[in-house]
Amino acid sequence: MKNIGFIIGCFFLVILFVSAVFAPILSPHSPDQINLEQGLSSPSSSHFLGQDKLGRDILSRVLHGGRVSLGVGIIATVISVSIGLFVGSLAGFCGGKVDALLMRLVDIVLSFPGILLAIVMAAVLGPSVINIIIALSILGWGGYARVVRGQILVVRQEDYILSAISLGLTPSRVIVRHILPNVFAPVLVEAMFGVGHAIVAESSLSFLGLGIAPPMPSWGGMLSDAKSFLLVAPHLVIIPGIMIIIVVVSFNLLGDALYDRLAVRKQK
């Protein structure tokens, strides 16, 4: 029973990743092909998920939008984890004034409401894939730094770490070779949840017109375009909304499963 969440999460994520990678091949139409005469059409044999207000194929736009949402979420999370690993390792290993200074910086970053600060940064930088990745990366590293620091404060007291230091190994080598491999598991769990949060943040910004610039498809942008036609063509809202829910829940299930395995391993 404990593996059900892991299996379900992996199943949907594999499908989503394959669909995103092979979107140009799987898409029955071009995501930007306009047909105003068939705007707001319901699902049919030629357009399985219907068409939007400009007559663009919803299925094609969902597949290409998945590339954007997954790409932004994963890249932003990888950058955030990298910054968090560096800052958290430096703070946890050095301690003292370095630790205090870096943790105050983390407190400042975490004290701001994430989505509001993301909106401000996206508005200043402008709507584009690169800018939204920068905004989400700058906002997301604080939590990872705190997790890494906490883990290092525990691990650095272990005998093998003290032995490595006594042998004269440089701090950077001790951190990279002996500490980070033993603290990476909790960071990986946190990253699974972080990808889901980043995708929601990207969709929110795109919904507000501050994320991915049109005509590039994104799930949040599709929701924004469809909000005026909720009663006329509800499938325009339901389909991208379901996709966002599926991907976020899948990453959360995967994170929960990894957390359970980590907890069991610690008990042993």
C-alpha atoms as a PDB file:
ATOM      1  CA  MET A   1       0.000   0.000   0.000  1.00  0.00           C
ATOM      2  CA  LYS A   2       2.860   2.388   0.739  1.00  0.00           C
ATOM      3  CA  ASN A   3       4.094   2.042  -2.844  1.00  0.00           C
ATOM      4  CA  ILE A   4       0.756   2.927  -4.454  1.00  0.00           C
ATOM      5  CA  GLY A   5       1.431   6.666  -4.310  1.00  0.00           C
ATOM      6  CA  PHE A   6       4.899   6.170  -5.751  1.00  0.00           C
ATOM      7  CA  ILE A   7       3.563   4.005  -8.599  1.00  0.00           C
ATOM      8  CA  ILE A   8       0.713   6.391  -9.420  1.00  0.00           C
ATOM      9  CA  GLY A   9       2.982   9.434  -9.313  1.00  0.00           C
ATOM     10  CA  CYS A  10       5.615   7.806 -11.509  1.00  0.00           C
ATOM     11  CA  PHE A  11       2.975   6.529 -13.950  1.00  0.00           C
ATOM     12  CA  PHE A  12       1.477   9.951 -14.629  1.00  0.00           C
ATOM     13  CA  LEU A  13       4.850  11.717 -14.637  1.00  0.00           C
ATOM     14  CA  VAL A  14       6.248   9.290 -17.199  1.00  0.00           C
ATOM     15  CA  ILE A  15       3.236   9.932 -19.432  1.00  0.00           C
ATOM     16  CA  LEU A  16       3.565  13.695 -18.975  1.00  0.00           C
ATOM     17  CA  PHE A  17       7.300  13.685 -19.689  1.00  0.00           C
ATOM     18  CA  VAL A  18       6.911  11.524 -22.789  1.00  0.00           C
ATOM     19  CA  SER A  19       4.068  13.735 -24.009  1.00  0.00           C
ATOM     20  CA  ALA A  20       6.135  16.870 -23.400  1.00  0.00           C
ATOM     21  CA  VAL A  21       9.302  15.565 -25.054  1.00  0.00           C
ATOM     22  CA  PHE A  22       7.486  14.233 -28.108  1.00  0.00           C
ATOM     23  CA  ALA A  23       4.887  17.014 -28.300  1.00  0.00           C
ATOM     24  CA  PRO A  24       5.852  18.029 -31.878  1.00  0.00           C
ATOM     25  CA  ILE A  25       5.303  14.437 -32.997  1.00  0.00           C
ATOM     26  CA  LEU A  26       2.176  13.685 -30.952  1.00  0.00           C
ATOM     27  CA  SER A  27       0.412  16.970 -31.720  1.00  0.00           C
ATOM     28  CA  PRO A  28      -2.222  16.469 -34.426  1.00  0.00           C
ATOM     29  CA  HIS A  29      -2.042  20.150 -35.431  1.00  0.00           C
ATOM     30  CA  SER A  30       0.232  23.127 -35.005  1.00  0.00           C
ATOM     31  CA  PRO A  31      -0.423  24.782 -31.609  1.00  0.00           C
ATOM     32  CA  ASP A  32      -0.513  28.205 -33.316  1.00  0.00           C
ATOM     33  CA  GLN A  33      -2.701  27.276 -36.293  1.00  0.00           C
ATOM     34  CA  ILE A  34      -5.677  29.665 -36.257  1.00  0.00           C
ATOM     35  CA  ASN A  35      -9.149  28.860 -37.649  1.00  0.00           C
ATOM     36  CA  LEU A  36     -11.541  31.614 -36.593  1.00  0.00           C
ATOM     37  CA  GLU A  37     -14.530  29.927 -38.218  1.00  0.00           C
ATOM     38  CA  GLN A  38     -14.272  27.013 -35.751  1.00  0.00           C
ATOM     39  CA  GLY A  39     -13.508  29.052 -32.661  1.00  0.00           C
ATOM     40  CA  LEU A  40     -14.848  27.587 -29.366  1.00  0.00           C
ATOM     41  CA  SER A  41     -15.729  24.307 -31.095  1.00  0.00           C
ATOM     42  CA  SER A  42     -16.460  21.309 -28.894  1.00  0.00           C
ATOM     43  CA  PRO A  43     -14.374  18.107 -29.047  1.00  0.00           C
ATOM     44  CA  SER A  44     -14.673  16.314 -32.379  1.00  0.00           C
ATOM     45  CA  SER A  45     -12.986  13.587 -34.396  1.00  0.00           C
ATOM     46  CA  SER A  46     -10.528  16.082 -35.916  1.00  0.00           C
ATOM     47  CA  HIS A  47      -9.953  18.013 -32.677  1.00  0.00           C
ATOM     48  CA  PHE A  48     -10.186  15.551 -29.788  1.00  0.00           C
ATOM     49  CA  LEU A  49     -10.228  18.208 -27.047  1.00  0.00           C
ATOM     50  CA  GLY A  50     -11.925  20.968 -29.016  1.00  0.00           C
ATOM     51  CA  GLN A  51     -10.663  24.373 -30.132  1.00  0.00           C
ATOM     52  CA  ASP A  52     -10.099  27.674 -28.346  1.00  0.00           C
ATOM     53  CA  LYS A  53     -11.496  31.121 -29.200  1.00  0.00           C
ATOM     54  CA  LEU A  54      -9.100  31.449 -32.152  1.00  0.00           C
ATOM     55  CA  GLY A  55      -9.800  27.948 -33.424  1.00  0.00           C
ATOM     56  CA  ARG A  56      -6.461  26.547 -32.240  1.00  0.00           C
ATOM     57  CA  ASP A  57      -6.353  22.855 -31.357  1.00  0.00           C
ATOM     58  CA  ILE A  58      -6.554  22.395 -27.562  1.00  0.00           C
ATOM     59  CA  LEU A  59      -4.781  19.018 -27.532  1.00  0.00           C
ATOM     60  CA  SER A  60      -1.785  20.414 -29.408  1.00  0.00           C
ATOM     61  CA  ARG A  61      -1.594  23.431 -27.112  1.00  0.00           C
ATOM     62  CA  VAL A  62      -1.880  21.247 -23.995  1.00  0.00           C
ATOM     63  CA  LEU A  63       1.007  19.054 -25.175  1.00  0.00           C
ATOM     64  CA  HIS A  64       3.235  22.016 -26.004  1.00  0.00           C
ATOM     65  CA  GLY A  65       2.114  23.806 -22.836  1.00  0.00           C
ATOM     66  CA  GLY A  66       3.279  20.798 -20.849  1.00  0.00           C
ATOM     67  CA  ARG A  67       6.784  21.286 -22.243  1.00  0.00           C
ATOM     68  CA  VAL A  68       6.780  24.849 -20.957  1.00  0.00           C
ATOM     69  CA  SER A  69       5.279  24.136 -17.522  1.00  0.00           C
ATOM     70  CA  LEU A  70       7.419  21.074 -16.798  1.00  0.00           C
ATOM     71  CA  GLY A  71      10.538  22.710 -18.196  1.00  0.00           C
ATOM     72  CA  VAL A  72      10.118  25.889 -16.167  1.00  0.00           C
ATOM     73  CA  GLY A  73       9.253  23.964 -12.995  1.00  0.00           C
ATOM     74  CA  ILE A  74      12.185  21.554 -13.227  1.00  0.00           C
ATOM     75  CA  ILE A  75      14.819  24.090 -14.322  1.00  0.00           C
ATOM     76  CA  ALA A  76      13.762  26.623 -11.674  1.00  0.00           C
ATOM     77  CA  THR A  77      13.859  23.901  -9.014  1.00  0.00           C
ATOM     78  CA  VAL A  78      17.308  22.665 -10.097  1.00  0.00           C
ATOM     79  CA  ILE A  79      18.702  26.205  -9.907  1.00  0.00           C
ATOM     80  CA  SER A  80      17.048  26.807  -6.527  1.00  0.00           C
ATOM     81  CA  VAL A  81      18.408  23.518  -5.161  1.00  0.00           C
ATOM     82  CA  SER A  82      21.906  24.355  -6.419  1.00  0.00           C
ATOM     83  CA  ILE A  83      21.882  27.764  -4.718  1.00  0.00           C
ATOM     84  CA  GLY A  84      20.357  26.268  -1.579  1.00  0.00           C
ATOM     85  CA  LEU A  85      22.992  23.522  -1.442  1.00  0.00           C
ATOM     86  CA  PHE A  86      25.803  26.056  -1.715  1.00  0.00           C
ATOM     87  CA  VAL A  87      24.423  28.514   0.844  1.00  0.00           C
ATOM     88  CA  GLY A  88      23.226  25.825   3.266  1.00  0.00           C
ATOM     89  CA  SER A  89      26.510  23.919   3.071  1.00  0.00           C
ATOM     90  CA  LEU A  90      28.531  27.071   3.697  1.00  0.00           C
ATOM     91  CA  ALA A  91      26.355  28.098   6.637  1.00  0.00           C
ATOM     92  CA  GLY A  92      26.179  24.658   8.237  1.00  0.00           C
ATOM     93  CA  PHE A  93      29.850  23.793   7.862  1.00  0.00           C
ATOM     94  CA  CYS A  94      31.401  27.163   8.726  1.00  0.00           C
ATOM     95  CA  GLY A  95      29.015  28.117  11.532  1.00  0.00           C
ATOM     96  CA  GLY A  96      29.579  31.252  13.601  1.00  0.00           C
ATOM     97  CA  LYS A  97      29.203  34.636  11.910  1.00  0.00           C
ATOM     98  CA  VAL A  98      29.015  33.120   8.432  1.00  0.00           C
ATOM     99  CA  ASP A  99      26.087  30.944   9.530  1.00  0.00           C
ATOM    100  CA  ALA A 100      24.331  33.853  11.232  1.00  0.00           C
ATOM    101  CA  LEU A 101      24.762  36.163   8.231  1.00  0.00           C
ATOM    102  CA  LEU A 102      23.568  33.615   5.661  1.00  0.00           C
ATOM    103  CA  MET A 103      20.602  32.533   7.776  1.00  0.00           C
ATOM    104  CA  ARG A 104      19.496  36.147   8.198  1.00  0.00           C
ATOM    105  CA  LEU A 105      19.612  36.423   4.411  1.00  0.00           C
ATOM    106  CA  VAL A 106      17.474  33.282   4.165  1.00  0.00           C
ATOM    107  CA  ASP A 107      15.028  34.720   6.701  1.00  0.00           C
ATOM    108  CA  ILE A 108      14.705  37.878   4.592  1.00  0.00           C
ATOM    109  CA  VAL A 109      13.985  35.867   1.438  1.00  0.00           C
ATOM    110  CA  LEU A 110      11.438  33.638   3.193  1.00  0.00           C
ATOM    111  CA  SER A 111       9.722  36.569   4.928  1.00  0.00           C
ATOM    112  CA  PHE A 112       8.301  37.918   1.677  1.00  0.00           C
ATOM    113  CA  PRO A 113       5.056  36.407   0.305  1.00  0.00           C
ATOM    114  CA  GLY A 114       6.377  34.223  -2.497  1.00  0.00           C
ATOM    115  CA  ILE A 115       3.726  34.749  -5.160  1.00  0.00           C
ATOM    116  CA  LEU A 116       3.514  38.513  -4.562  1.00  0.00           C
ATOM    117  CA  LEU A 117       7.273  38.902  -4.885  1.00  0.00           C
ATOM    118  CA  ALA A 118       7.212  36.714  -7.999  1.00  0.00           C
ATOM    119  CA  ILE A 119       4.557  38.971  -9.504  1.00  0.00           C
ATOM    120  CA  VAL A 120       6.691  42.049  -8.828  1.00  0.00           C
ATOM    121  CA  MET A 121       9.825  40.451 -10.267  1.00  0.00           C
ATOM    122  CA  ALA A 122       8.004  39.116 -13.323  1.00  0.00           C
ATOM    123  CA  ALA A 123       6.443  42.538 -13.928  1.00  0.00           C
ATOM    124  CA  VAL A 124       9.864  44.208 -13.711  1.00  0.00           C
ATOM    125  CA  LEU A 125      11.721  41.648 -15.827  1.00  0.00           C
ATOM    126  CA  GLY A 126       8.931  41.194 -18.373  1.00  0.00           C
ATOM    127  CA  PRO A 127       7.055  38.088 -19.564  1.00  0.00           C
ATOM    128  CA  SER A 128       9.380  35.397 -20.954  1.00  0.00           C
ATOM    129  CA  VAL A 129      10.523  31.864 -20.148  1.00  0.00           C
ATOM    130  CA  ILE A 130      13.985  32.994 -18.992  1.00  0.00           C
ATOM    131  CA  ASN A 131      12.635  35.754 -16.763  1.00  0.00           C
ATOM    132  CA  ILE A 132      10.078  33.527 -15.068  1.00  0.00           C
ATOM    133  CA  ILE A 133      12.790  30.926 -14.370  1.00  0.00           C
ATOM    134  CA  ILE A 134      14.991  33.660 -12.857  1.00  0.00           C
ATOM    135  CA  ALA A 135      12.141  34.934 -10.681  1.00  0.00           C
ATOM    136  CA  LEU A 136      11.178  31.483  -9.383  1.00  0.00           C
ATOM    137  CA  SER A 137      14.814  30.482  -8.798  1.00  0.00           C
ATOM    138  CA  ILE A 138      15.588  33.577  -6.740  1.00  0.00           C
ATOM    139  CA  LEU A 139      12.518  33.000  -4.591  1.00  0.00           C
ATOM    140  CA  GLY A 140      12.886  29.238  -4.109  1.00  0.00           C
ATOM    141  CA  TRP A 141      16.410  28.666  -2.786  1.00  0.00           C
ATOM    142  CA  GLY A 142      15.824  29.778   0.818  1.00  0.00           C
ATOM    143  CA  GLY A 143      13.907  26.698   1.895  1.00  0.00           C
ATOM    144  CA  TYR A 144      16.520  24.332   0.464  1.00  0.00           C
ATOM    145  CA  ALA A 145      19.325  26.268   2.188  1.00  0.00           C
ATOM    146  CA  ARG A 146      17.588  25.865   5.530  1.00  0.00           C
ATOM    147  CA  VAL A 147      17.065  22.121   5.008  1.00  0.00           C
ATOM    148  CA  VAL A 148      20.699  21.583   3.979  1.00  0.00           C
ATOM    149  CA  ARG A 149      22.017  23.612   6.910  1.00  0.00           C
ATOM    150  CA  GLY A 150      19.935  21.627   9.392  1.00  0.00           C
ATOM    151  CA  GLN A 151      21.116  18.316   7.975  1.00  0.00           C
ATOM    152  CA  ILE A 152      24.770  19.392   7.953  1.00  0.00           C
ATOM    153  CA  LEU A 153      24.614  20.514  11.581  1.00  0.00           C
ATOM    154  CA  VAL A 154      23.733  16.918  12.439  1.00  0.00           C
ATOM    155  CA  VAL A 155      26.023  15.115  10.003  1.00  0.00           C
ATOM    156  CA  ARG A 156      29.176  17.133  10.717  1.00  0.00           C
ATOM    157  CA  GLN A 157      29.300  15.674  14.241  1.00  0.00           C
ATOM    158  CA  GLU A 158      29.603  12.129  12.909  1.00  0.00           C
ATOM    159  CA  ASP A 159      32.882  10.295  13.427  1.00  0.00           C
ATOM    160  CA  TYR A 160      33.669   9.891   9.730  1.00  0.00           C
ATOM    161  CA  ILE A 161      33.377  13.644   9.176  1.00  0.00           C
ATOM    162  CA  LEU A 162      35.636  14.391  12.142  1.00  0.00           C
ATOM    163  CA  SER A 163      38.101  11.811  10.825  1.00  0.00           C
ATOM    164  CA  ALA A 164      38.117  13.406   7.375  1.00  0.00           C
ATOM    165  CA  ILE A 165      38.788  16.825   8.906  1.00  0.00           C
ATOM    166  CA  SER A 166      41.568  15.432  11.104  1.00  0.00           C
ATOM    167  CA  LEU A 167      43.232  13.912   8.033  1.00  0.00           C
ATOM    168  CA  GLY A 168      43.611  17.424   6.622  1.00  0.00           C
ATOM    169  CA  LEU A 169      41.013  17.319   3.845  1.00  0.00           C
ATOM    170  CA  THR A 170      39.957  20.743   2.604  1.00  0.00           C
ATOM    171  CA  PRO A 171      36.501  21.985   3.687  1.00  0.00           C
ATOM    172  CA  SER A 172      35.252  21.934   0.085  1.00  0.00           C
ATOM    173  CA  ARG A 173      36.293  18.282  -0.325  1.00  0.00           C
ATOM    174  CA  VAL A 174      34.732  17.298   2.993  1.00  0.00           C
ATOM    175  CA  ILE A 175      31.469  18.944   1.985  1.00  0.00           C
ATOM    176  CA  VAL A 176      31.340  17.556  -1.557  1.00  0.00           C
ATOM    177  CA  ARG A 177      32.693  14.046  -0.906  1.00  0.00           C
ATOM    178  CA  HIS A 178      31.382  13.243   2.564  1.00  0.00           C
ATOM    179  CA  ILE A 179      28.593  15.584   3.663  1.00  0.00           C
ATOM    180  CA  LEU A 180      26.384  16.366   0.656  1.00  0.00           C
ATOM    181  CA  PRO A 181      25.854  12.692  -0.365  1.00  0.00           C
ATOM    182  CA  ASN A 182      24.441  12.067   3.112  1.00  0.00           C
ATOM    183  CA  VAL A 183      22.109  15.092   3.172  1.00  0.00           C
ATOM    184  CA  PHE A 184      20.898  14.933  -0.425  1.00  0.00           C
ATOM    185  CA  ALA A 185      17.949  12.606   0.267  1.00  0.00           C
ATOM    186  CA  PRO A 186      15.907  15.173   2.282  1.00  0.00           C
ATOM    187  CA  VAL A 187      16.734  17.795  -0.341  1.00  0.00           C
ATOM    188  CA  LEU A 188      15.455  15.477  -3.077  1.00  0.00           C
ATOM    189  CA  VAL A 189      12.176  15.035  -1.193  1.00  0.00           C
ATOM    190  CA  GLU A 190      11.858  18.798  -0.801  1.00  0.00           C
ATOM    191  CA  ALA A 191      12.626  19.244  -4.508  1.00  0.00           C
ATOM    192  CA  MET A 192       9.712  16.991  -5.512  1.00  0.00           C
ATOM    193  CA  PHE A 193       7.323  19.326  -3.724  1.00  0.00           C
ATOM    194  CA  GLY A 194       9.260  22.305  -5.066  1.00  0.00           C
ATOM    195  CA  VAL A 195       8.656  21.338  -8.690  1.00  0.00           C
ATOM    196  CA  GLY A 196       4.912  21.242  -8.061  1.00  0.00           C
ATOM    197  CA  HIS A 197       5.014  24.643  -6.357  1.00  0.00           C
ATOM    198  CA  ALA A 198       7.062  26.104  -9.217  1.00  0.00           C
ATOM    199  CA  ILE A 199       4.571  24.820 -11.812  1.00  0.00           C
ATOM    200  CA  VAL A 200       1.677  26.348  -9.867  1.00  0.00           C
ATOM    201  CA  ALA A 201       3.589  29.634  -9.581  1.00  0.00           C
ATOM    202  CA  GLU A 202       4.362  29.660 -13.312  1.00  0.00           C
ATOM    203  CA  SER A 203       0.721  28.918 -14.137  1.00  0.00           C
ATOM    204  CA  SER A 204      -0.422  31.687 -11.797  1.00  0.00           C
ATOM    205  CA  LEU A 205       1.919  34.221 -13.368  1.00  0.00           C
ATOM    206  CA  SER A 206       0.916  33.168 -16.885  1.00  0.00           C
ATOM    207  CA  PHE A 207      -2.742  33.443 -15.866  1.00  0.00           C
ATOM    208  CA  LEU A 208      -2.074  37.033 -14.795  1.00  0.00           C
ATOM    209  CA  GLY A 209      -0.236  37.799 -18.033  1.00  0.00           C
ATOM    210  CA  LEU A 210       3.172  38.027 -16.331  1.00  0.00           C
ATOM    211  CA  GLY A 211       4.528  34.598 -17.217  1.00  0.00           C
ATOM    212  CA  ILE A 212       4.965  33.003 -20.616  1.00  0.00           C
ATOM    213  CA  ALA A 213       4.424  35.513 -23.424  1.00  0.00           C
ATOM    214  CA  PRO A 214       1.837  34.620 -26.109  1.00  0.00           C
ATOM    215  CA  PRO A 215       1.578  32.953 -28.539  1.00  0.00           C
ATOM    216  CA  MET A 216       3.722  30.344 -26.745  1.00  0.00           C
ATOM    217  CA  PRO A 217       1.225  27.965 -25.091  1.00  0.00           C
ATOM    218  CA  SER A 218       1.224  27.426 -21.339  1.00  0.00           C
ATOM    219  CA  TRP A 219      -1.421  25.911 -19.102  1.00  0.00           C
ATOM    220  CA  GLY A 220      -1.807  29.105 -17.078  1.00  0.00           C
ATOM    221  CA  GLY A 221      -2.087  31.175 -20.230  1.00  0.00           C
ATOM    222  CA  MET A 222      -4.736  28.807 -21.599  1.00  0.00           C
ATOM    223  CA  LEU A 223      -6.751  29.270 -18.403  1.00  0.00           C
ATOM    224  CA  SER A 224      -6.452  33.026 -18.754  1.00  0.00           C
ATOM    225  CA  ASP A 225      -7.664  32.950 -22.357  1.00  0.00           C
ATOM    226  CA  ALA A 226     -10.591  30.691 -21.427  1.00  0.00           C
ATOM    227  CA  LYS A 227     -11.907  32.465 -18.315  1.00  0.00           C
ATOM    228  CA  SER A 228     -14.323  34.601 -20.354  1.00  0.00           C
ATOM    229  CA  PHE A 229     -15.863  31.509 -21.977  1.00  0.00           C
ATOM    230  CA  LEU A 230     -16.405  29.373 -18.880  1.00  0.00           C
ATOM    231  CA  LEU A 231     -20.156  29.019 -19.420  1.00  0.00           C
ATOM    232  CA  VAL A 232     -19.990  28.819 -23.215  1.00  0.00           C
ATOM    233  CA  ALA A 233     -17.067  26.410 -23.606  1.00  0.00           C
ATOM    234  CA  PRO A 234     -16.162  24.922 -20.191  1.00  0.00           C
ATOM    235  CA  HIS A 235     -13.747  22.424 -21.747  1.00  0.00           C
ATOM    236  CA  LEU A 236     -11.328  25.291 -22.387  1.00  0.00           C
ATOM    237  CA  VAL A 237     -10.923  25.715 -18.616  1.00  0.00           C
ATOM    238  CA  ILE A 238     -11.348  22.112 -17.488  1.00  0.00           C
ATOM    239  CA  ILE A 239      -8.624  20.558 -19.642  1.00  0.00           C
ATOM    240  CA  PRO A 240      -5.609  22.751 -18.692  1.00  0.00           C
ATOM    241  CA  GLY A 241      -6.889  22.861 -15.098  1.00  0.00           C
ATOM    242  CA  ILE A 242      -6.905  19.059 -14.915  1.00  0.00           C
ATOM    243  CA  MET A 243      -3.389  18.938 -16.359  1.00  0.00           C
ATOM    244  CA  ILE A 244      -2.071  21.290 -13.665  1.00  0.00           C
ATOM    245  CA  ILE A 245      -3.777  19.226 -10.950  1.00  0.00           C
ATOM    246  CA  ILE A 246      -2.398  15.938 -12.311  1.00  0.00           C
ATOM    247  CA  VAL A 247       1.209  17.106 -12.533  1.00  0.00           C
ATOM    248  CA  VAL A 248       1.208  18.786  -9.107  1.00  0.00           C
ATOM    249  CA  VAL A 249      -0.465  15.819  -7.386  1.00  0.00           C
ATOM    250  CA  SER A 250       1.938  13.406  -9.119  1.00  0.00           C
ATOM    251  CA  PHE A 251       5.007  15.262  -7.849  1.00  0.00           C
ATOM    252  CA  ASN A 252       3.470  15.457  -4.363  1.00  0.00           C
ATOM    253  CA  LEU A 253       2.758  11.713  -4.359  1.00  0.00           C
ATOM    254  CA  LEU A 254       6.326  11.047  -5.423  1.00  0.00           C
ATOM    255  CA  GLY A 255       7.616  13.340  -2.688  1.00  0.00           C
ATOM    256  CA  ASP A 256       5.448  11.655  -0.052  1.00  0.00           C
ATOM    257  CA  ALA A 257       6.666   8.218  -1.138  1.00  0.00           C
ATOM    258  CA  LEU A 258      10.306   9.308  -0.975  1.00  0.00           C
ATOM    259  CA  TYR A 259       9.725  10.857   2.451  1.00  0.00           C
ATOM    260  CA  ASP A 260       8.199   7.600   3.740  1.00  0.00           C
ATOM    261  CA  ARG A 261      11.154   5.586   2.466  1.00  0.00           C
ATOM    262  CA  LEU A 262      13.568   8.038   4.058  1.00  0.00           C
ATOM    263  CA  ALA A 263      11.716   7.867   7.392  1.00  0.00           C
ATOM    264  CA  VAL A 264      11.788   4.045   7.355  1.00  0.00           C
ATOM    265  CA  ARG A 265      15.506   4.035   6.556  1.00  0.00           C
ATOM    266  CA  LYS A 266      16.208   6.400   9.469  1.00  0.00           C
ATOM    267  CA  GLN A 267      14.269   4.143  11.872  1.00  0.00           C
ATOM    268  CA  LYS A 268      16.417   1.175  10.833  1.00  0.00           C
END
